[in-house]
Amino acid sequence: MKEFTLEELETYDGKDGKPAYVAYDGLVYDVTASKLWKGGLHMRRHKAGTDLTVDIQAAPHTHELLQRFTQVGTLKKVEAAEIELPKVLAWLLESNPFFRRHPHPMTVHFPIVFFMANPFFNFLYLVTGATAFETTAFHCLAGGILFSIVAIATGVLTWWYNYMGKMSRPIAIKLPLSIVLFALAVFLFVWRLMDPTVLTAEQGANWVYLILDALLIPIISIMGWYGATMTFPIENE
């Protein structure tokens, strides 16, 4: 039986007439004949040429389904970079697949909602003149900053644990943008904290603040898009 490295496995992606191989628990299977793996993509989510050991935990079927296909080899074990984790955290990651896979997708929605809501409520304030909307926008900005710390931390942990810290296009885009987003949000928060009348002053709203505030929407949208492609790959990628 051939022993595949992750790099070798990636070449069997089912595209351009190539076989479609997937790995589970150290075993490599040939799923080329399956109609559900046509073109190397399964359910518009899972790519051939990858290790599905973690992903299959959330599938509507068990790993036993793969035993219907021919085993063509084994997957060479790759040791993740050694990072000292607290014993409790290390135990949770090892004992429960949920904590290895879901913390980031679960927590990342909070800063998305708060950062999207912030410019929206500021817009409502400009339209209605109701200061309650401006205050709500400020609170949403604070919530976005707080939860973005959690989202970034779980994102880095998930990247290291599930993707072996391997750089990919979505990661290369999300990492710097997350820093930009956090820095911009903190800047806006401090500005509004130091000058509570930045939007409510009699001389009118500070449009520089509003423009920077509006930038939160495209930044979070780009990050969300590339994050989603890691879970639901685009077919023509």
Protein backbone atom coordinates (compact mmCIF):
# COMPACT_ATOMS: atom_id res chain seq x y z
CA MET A 1 0.00 0.00 0.00
CA LYS A 2 1.35 3.40 -0.97
CA GLU A 3 2.00 5.91 1.80
CA PHE A 4 0.80 9.36 0.82
CA THR A 5 1.95 12.66 2.22
CA LEU A 6 -0.65 15.45 2.45
CA GLU A 7 1.03 17.15 -0.52
CA GLU A 8 0.81 13.98 -2.62
CA LEU A 9 -2.81 13.41 -1.60
CA GLU A 10 -3.71 16.91 -2.80
CA THR A 11 -2.74 15.98 -6.36
CA TYR A 12 -5.58 13.42 -6.48
CA ASP A 13 -8.27 16.08 -6.49
CA GLY A 14 -10.59 14.53 -9.09
CA LYS A 15 -10.14 17.41 -11.54
CA ASP A 16 -9.15 17.21 -15.20
CA GLY A 17 -9.60 13.44 -15.28
CA LYS A 18 -7.43 12.75 -12.24
CA PRO A 19 -8.55 10.22 -9.61
CA ALA A 20 -10.35 11.48 -6.52
CA TYR A 21 -8.79 10.27 -3.27
CA VAL A 22 -9.79 11.12 0.29
CA ALA A 23 -8.29 10.14 3.60
CA TYR A 24 -9.86 9.15 6.89
CA ASP A 25 -8.06 8.12 10.07
CA GLY A 26 -4.81 7.45 8.24
CA LEU A 27 -6.37 5.44 5.38
CA VAL A 28 -6.69 6.69 1.79
CA TYR A 29 -9.71 5.74 -0.34
CA ASP A 30 -10.42 6.05 -4.06
CA VAL A 31 -13.86 7.68 -4.46
CA THR A 32 -13.49 8.41 -8.17
CA ALA A 33 -16.36 6.08 -9.14
CA SER A 34 -18.86 7.82 -6.84
CA LYS A 35 -21.29 10.19 -8.55
CA LEU A 36 -21.31 12.20 -5.32
CA TRP A 37 -17.62 12.99 -5.87
CA LYS A 38 -17.92 14.08 -9.49
CA GLY A 39 -15.30 16.66 -10.33
CA GLY A 40 -13.64 16.10 -6.97
CA LEU A 41 -16.27 17.96 -4.93
CA HIS A 42 -18.75 16.36 -2.56
CA MET A 43 -21.97 18.15 -1.61
CA ARG A 44 -20.40 21.44 -2.73
CA ARG A 45 -18.37 21.39 0.45
CA HIS A 46 -15.68 18.72 0.68
CA LYS A 47 -12.78 18.55 -1.75
CA ALA A 48 -11.05 15.40 -2.92
CA GLY A 49 -7.37 15.22 -2.14
CA THR A 50 -7.93 16.11 1.51
CA ASP A 51 -8.03 14.45 4.90
CA LEU A 52 -11.67 14.18 6.03
CA THR A 53 -10.97 12.75 9.48
CA VAL A 54 -12.33 15.83 11.23
CA ASP A 55 -14.95 16.86 8.67
CA ILE A 56 -16.71 13.51 8.65
CA GLN A 57 -17.52 13.92 12.36
CA ALA A 58 -20.22 16.39 11.31
CA ALA A 59 -21.46 14.39 8.29
CA PRO A 60 -24.95 12.87 8.16
CA HIS A 61 -23.32 9.45 7.72
CA THR A 62 -20.55 7.56 9.50
CA HIS A 63 -17.04 6.89 8.25
CA GLU A 64 -18.08 3.32 7.51
CA LEU A 65 -19.50 4.57 4.23
CA LEU A 66 -15.95 5.00 2.96
CA GLN A 67 -15.34 1.28 3.39
CA ARG A 68 -17.42 0.72 0.26
CA PHE A 69 -14.55 2.17 -1.74
CA THR A 70 -11.14 0.73 -2.51
CA GLN A 71 -8.39 1.56 -0.08
CA VAL A 72 -5.36 2.64 -2.10
CA GLY A 73 -2.91 3.53 0.64
CA THR A 74 -2.22 5.14 3.95
CA LEU A 75 -1.68 8.76 4.94
CA LYS A 76 1.63 9.73 6.46
CA LYS A 77 1.11 11.26 9.86
CA VAL A 78 2.13 14.89 10.10
CA GLU A 79 3.00 16.28 13.47
CA ALA A 80 1.56 19.69 14.16
CA ALA A 81 3.84 22.42 15.39
CA GLU A 82 4.50 21.93 19.06
CA ILE A 83 2.59 24.45 21.11
CA GLU A 84 2.23 24.15 24.82
CA LEU A 85 -1.46 24.18 25.66
CA PRO A 86 -3.06 24.18 29.10
CA LYS A 87 -3.84 20.59 30.07
CA VAL A 88 -7.59 21.19 30.20
CA LEU A 89 -7.61 22.74 26.70
CA ALA A 90 -5.41 19.97 25.29
CA TRP A 91 -7.73 17.35 26.81
CA LEU A 92 -10.84 19.00 25.34
CA LEU A 93 -9.29 19.20 21.88
CA GLU A 94 -8.22 15.57 21.92
CA SER A 95 -11.33 14.08 23.52
CA ASN A 96 -14.10 15.90 21.67
CA PRO A 97 -14.10 16.66 17.90
CA PHE A 98 -16.56 19.52 18.52
CA PHE A 99 -13.90 21.58 20.26
CA ARG A 100 -11.40 20.93 17.48
CA ARG A 101 -13.68 21.98 14.66
CA HIS A 102 -16.39 24.36 15.80
CA PRO A 103 -15.13 27.04 18.24
CA HIS A 104 -14.14 29.50 15.50
CA PRO A 105 -17.17 29.06 13.19
CA MET A 106 -19.35 29.41 16.29
CA THR A 107 -17.71 32.51 17.77
CA VAL A 108 -16.92 34.38 14.55
CA HIS A 109 -20.58 35.23 13.97
CA PHE A 110 -20.68 37.53 16.98
CA PRO A 111 -18.18 40.15 15.76
CA ILE A 112 -19.69 39.91 12.26
CA VAL A 113 -23.12 40.87 13.59
CA PHE A 114 -21.85 43.62 15.87
CA PHE A 115 -19.59 45.21 13.25
CA MET A 116 -22.33 45.07 10.62
CA ALA A 117 -24.88 46.56 13.03
CA ASN A 118 -22.66 49.47 14.04
CA PRO A 119 -22.74 51.42 10.72
CA PHE A 120 -26.40 50.47 10.29
CA PHE A 121 -27.45 52.09 13.57
CA ASN A 122 -25.31 55.16 12.82
CA PHE A 123 -27.17 55.45 9.52
CA LEU A 124 -30.50 55.23 11.33
CA TYR A 125 -29.33 58.03 13.63
CA LEU A 126 -28.49 60.27 10.66
CA VAL A 127 -31.89 59.58 9.11
CA THR A 128 -34.04 59.88 12.24
CA GLY A 129 -31.98 62.05 14.54
CA ALA A 130 -32.74 59.68 17.44
CA THR A 131 -29.63 59.62 19.64
CA ALA A 132 -30.60 56.17 20.94
CA PHE A 133 -29.50 54.75 17.57
CA GLU A 134 -26.07 56.41 17.84
CA THR A 135 -25.65 55.07 21.38
CA THR A 136 -26.61 51.59 20.20
CA ALA A 137 -24.04 51.83 17.41
CA PHE A 138 -21.35 52.65 19.97
CA HIS A 139 -22.34 49.66 22.09
CA CYS A 140 -22.26 47.41 19.01
CA LEU A 141 -18.77 48.63 18.24
CA ALA A 142 -17.66 47.70 21.75
CA GLY A 143 -19.26 44.27 21.40
CA GLY A 144 -17.54 43.71 18.06
CA ILE A 145 -14.14 44.50 19.55
CA LEU A 146 -14.72 42.20 22.52
CA PHE A 147 -15.86 39.23 20.46
CA SER A 148 -13.28 39.77 17.72
CA ILE A 149 -10.59 38.96 20.30
CA VAL A 150 -12.30 35.61 20.91
CA ALA A 151 -12.83 35.01 17.17
CA ILE A 152 -9.20 35.74 16.30
CA ALA A 153 -7.92 33.51 19.10
CA THR A 154 -10.14 30.57 18.13
CA GLY A 155 -9.36 31.17 14.45
CA VAL A 156 -5.61 30.87 15.00
CA LEU A 157 -6.14 27.78 17.17
CA THR A 158 -8.36 26.14 14.55
CA TRP A 159 -5.89 27.02 11.78
CA TRP A 160 -3.05 25.44 13.72
CA TYR A 161 -4.95 22.37 14.92
CA ASN A 162 -7.02 21.47 11.85
CA TYR A 163 -4.93 22.90 9.00
CA MET A 164 -1.46 22.31 10.50
CA GLY A 165 -0.80 26.04 10.19
CA LYS A 166 -0.67 25.66 6.41
CA MET A 167 -0.97 28.95 4.53
CA SER A 168 -3.73 29.15 1.94
CA ARG A 169 -5.31 32.00 0.01
CA PRO A 170 -8.24 32.44 2.44
CA ILE A 171 -5.87 32.41 5.42
CA ALA A 172 -3.45 34.82 3.72
CA ILE A 173 -6.34 37.25 3.23
CA LYS A 174 -8.15 36.77 6.54
CA LEU A 175 -5.14 37.11 8.84
CA PRO A 176 -4.04 40.63 7.81
CA LEU A 177 -7.62 41.80 7.38
CA SER A 178 -8.49 40.68 10.89
CA ILE A 179 -5.68 42.86 12.21
CA VAL A 180 -6.84 45.80 10.10
CA LEU A 181 -10.43 45.31 11.22
CA PHE A 182 -9.52 45.13 14.89
CA ALA A 183 -7.23 48.19 14.70
CA LEU A 184 -9.87 50.21 12.85
CA ALA A 185 -12.60 49.26 15.32
CA VAL A 186 -10.43 50.16 18.30
CA PHE A 187 -9.53 53.50 16.68
CA LEU A 188 -13.20 54.32 16.09
CA PHE A 189 -14.12 53.23 19.61
CA VAL A 190 -11.45 55.43 21.24
CA TRP A 191 -12.40 58.37 19.00
CA ARG A 192 -16.08 58.07 19.95
CA LEU A 193 -15.17 57.54 23.62
CA MET A 194 -13.00 60.66 23.70
CA ASP A 195 -15.48 62.70 21.69
CA PRO A 196 -19.07 61.57 22.39
CA THR A 197 -20.36 64.31 20.05
CA VAL A 198 -18.44 63.09 17.01
CA LEU A 199 -21.78 62.44 15.27
CA THR A 200 -24.17 64.51 17.37
CA ALA A 201 -22.41 67.88 17.47
CA GLU A 202 -24.42 70.92 16.39
CA GLN A 203 -22.01 71.66 13.54
CA GLY A 204 -22.84 68.27 12.06
CA ALA A 205 -21.46 64.77 11.95
CA ASN A 206 -17.78 64.15 11.37
CA TRP A 207 -17.80 62.56 7.92
CA VAL A 208 -14.29 61.17 8.28
CA TYR A 209 -15.57 59.10 11.20
CA LEU A 210 -18.57 57.94 9.17
CA ILE A 211 -16.45 56.93 6.18
CA LEU A 212 -14.05 54.92 8.34
CA ASP A 213 -17.02 53.41 10.16
CA ALA A 214 -18.59 52.36 6.86
CA LEU A 215 -15.36 50.52 5.94
CA LEU A 216 -16.21 47.93 8.57
CA ILE A 217 -18.85 46.47 6.25
CA PRO A 218 -16.65 45.64 3.20
CA ILE A 219 -13.80 44.41 5.40
CA ILE A 220 -16.00 42.02 7.38
CA SER A 221 -17.74 40.95 4.16
CA ILE A 222 -14.46 40.01 2.45
CA MET A 223 -13.31 38.09 5.52
CA GLY A 224 -16.66 36.30 5.74
CA TRP A 225 -16.55 35.38 2.07
CA TYR A 226 -13.12 33.79 2.22
CA GLY A 227 -13.94 32.11 5.51
CA ALA A 228 -17.02 30.58 3.92
CA THR A 229 -15.00 29.22 0.99
CA MET A 230 -13.01 27.12 3.47
CA THR A 231 -16.23 25.38 4.54
CA PHE A 232 -18.15 25.55 1.25
CA PRO A 233 -15.55 25.59 -1.58
CA ILE A 234 -16.46 27.21 -4.87
CA GLU A 235 -16.87 24.54 -7.52
CA ASN A 236 -14.57 26.07 -10.11
CA GLU A 237 -11.70 26.61 -7.68
